[in-house]
């Protein structure tokens, strides 16, 4: 939850070379669950969700695992 809207915008512009129109963020509360034998309620950590709007572009994830997927495909066949 440490990145601000400005940090997120700069990250996408510098790392991926994208032009960002708008960044919206929100804090998502962690889910609660009960530990049955004791009746204790526990909650997972909160996290930040960012909605990024691009300016007339589409984003494609970089192919980080192409080498591994090709090796796995050859081993399977």
Foldseek 3Di string as FASTA:
>chain_A
DPDDQVNVQVCCCPVVVFAWDGKDKDKAFFDWDADPVVRDIDGDHIDMDMDTHGDPDDDDDDPPCPVVVVVVVVVVD
